[in-house]
Each structure stands twice: as structure tokens, then as C-alpha cells.
Amino acid sequence: MIESPPSPELLSSLGRLARGLSVLFWGLPTALVVCVQSAKGDWFRPLGIIPPLLATGLLVYGLALLSHFQQQERVWRMALDRASVVALINVGTAPFLYWWSRIPSNVFFTLVVQGLMLSGILFLLLINPVLVRLTAMLPDETLRLETRFFTMLNRYILVGIFGVMTVYFTMIHIEAGLPDRFMGWLLKISPLPPRANALVYFVDQAKLWIALFFVLLPLAMTMALLWKIKEIILASVFGPEN
């Protein structure tokens, strides 16, 4: 991919770019596990607010490493800046996961945690345009086409999840039992057979875990793209592995 020997400045920026992609690759699943456990589990409870702060801060560090590459490209910088702003919001709200786990009845803590969930989805959504802009600067047409296809699929899924979660949280704050009454109304008017109605009831009861499952699909695709882009960058500098 790179025919002439790269300059030291280019090598330095490519090295930081590869490290930033690696940090994001490992940081995304780490942040998901740590944040969920900080809110619902007991693994990190003795450490207080430190685990979610470190996990979300890791993503900010990864984006900071990416920012050293092609700083003169305005569209690339804008995509990075948008993702970085949301990443900083995640860092600022991450401590509320621990505080909410201690006092789940606090309305303010609940609102902030719900906002963190939405901003986490938004961050994953904004990472995809960053990857599209990055591959547009790399001379690999196949990689560009794959990235465009999978990021477009990711964005459709994530926008759907973001919309459903926003509606659900809004209904909860309007009236606590409104989502359950809405699902009951759907079951009454539904022409589906009883088994299908039972499935709808199961979906209603396990909605949070189902939402988490659907988040894992775009997360896995994003991680695969991060790893592939990093490997292609390394191969362009040091040559393919024998």
C-alpha cells in the first residue's frame, strides 16, 4: 500500500493510529462489561466509581490517539470531535452507575443512568462514521466498501435501538406502568395466536436483556472493523505477515 519509505512523522502518526484502534477494540467491550457490572453486579462495587471512570476514559484515550492522524483533514476531524464529545459525556456520567446501584430509588440518578445508556448507544453510532472517514484516507478499495456496508448496517440497528429506548424511558417517566399497559393493549388487539402472545409477553419481561443482546451485534461488527483496519495499517508499514 505504501510504495516509498514513509517519513518519521507519518510513521509516528500511523503508530498512534494503530494503537488508538487497538485501544478502541479492547475498550468497547471492556466499557460495556464494566458499566453493566457497576450498575447491576457486585464485582467492582468495592472499588466505587473508579472502574466505570477508567473504562470510559479508555475510549477517550483511544480517540485522542486517532486524532494525531491527518489533522488537516476537516471532515475526519469533525467526525472524531463528535465522537470525542460524547465519550467525554460518558466519562462524566459514569460515576452515577455506582451511585445509582447504591440508591436506585433516586430519580436524578435514574435519569442520569438512562442518559448514559443512550449516550453509550450514540457513541457506538458515532464511531462508525469515524471508521468510514478513516478508510476513505486509506488506499484500499475493498476495505472502504466493506466498511461502508457494515457501518451502514450498524447505524440502522443502533438508530432503531436508540429510538426504542428513548420511547421506553419517556413512557416510564410519564407514568411508571405505562409500558406494561401498552404491551397489554398490544396483546389484546393482536391477531397473533396464543403462543405468539406468550412470546410478546416474554419480550416485555426481558426487554433490557434483549436490548443488550441487540447492542452486541453492532458492537461485534464495529470491533471486527477496528481490528481489520489496524491490521491493514500495520501491514502497509511493516509488510504482510509471512
Foldseek 3Di string as FASTA:
>chain_A
DDDDADDPLQVQLLVLLLVLLVLCLVLLVQLVVQLVCLQPNDPCLVVQLPSNLVSLVSNLSSLVSNCSPPVVDPVLVVLSVVLNVLSVLLNVLSNLSNVCSVPVVDPVSVVSVLVSVLSSLVSLLSVLVNLLVVVVPPPDPVLNVVSVVLSVVLNVLSVVLSVVSVVVVVQCVVPVCRVVVVLVVCLVPDPDDPVVNVVSVVCSVCVVVVSVVSNVVSSVVSSVSSVVVSQVSVCVNVNDDD
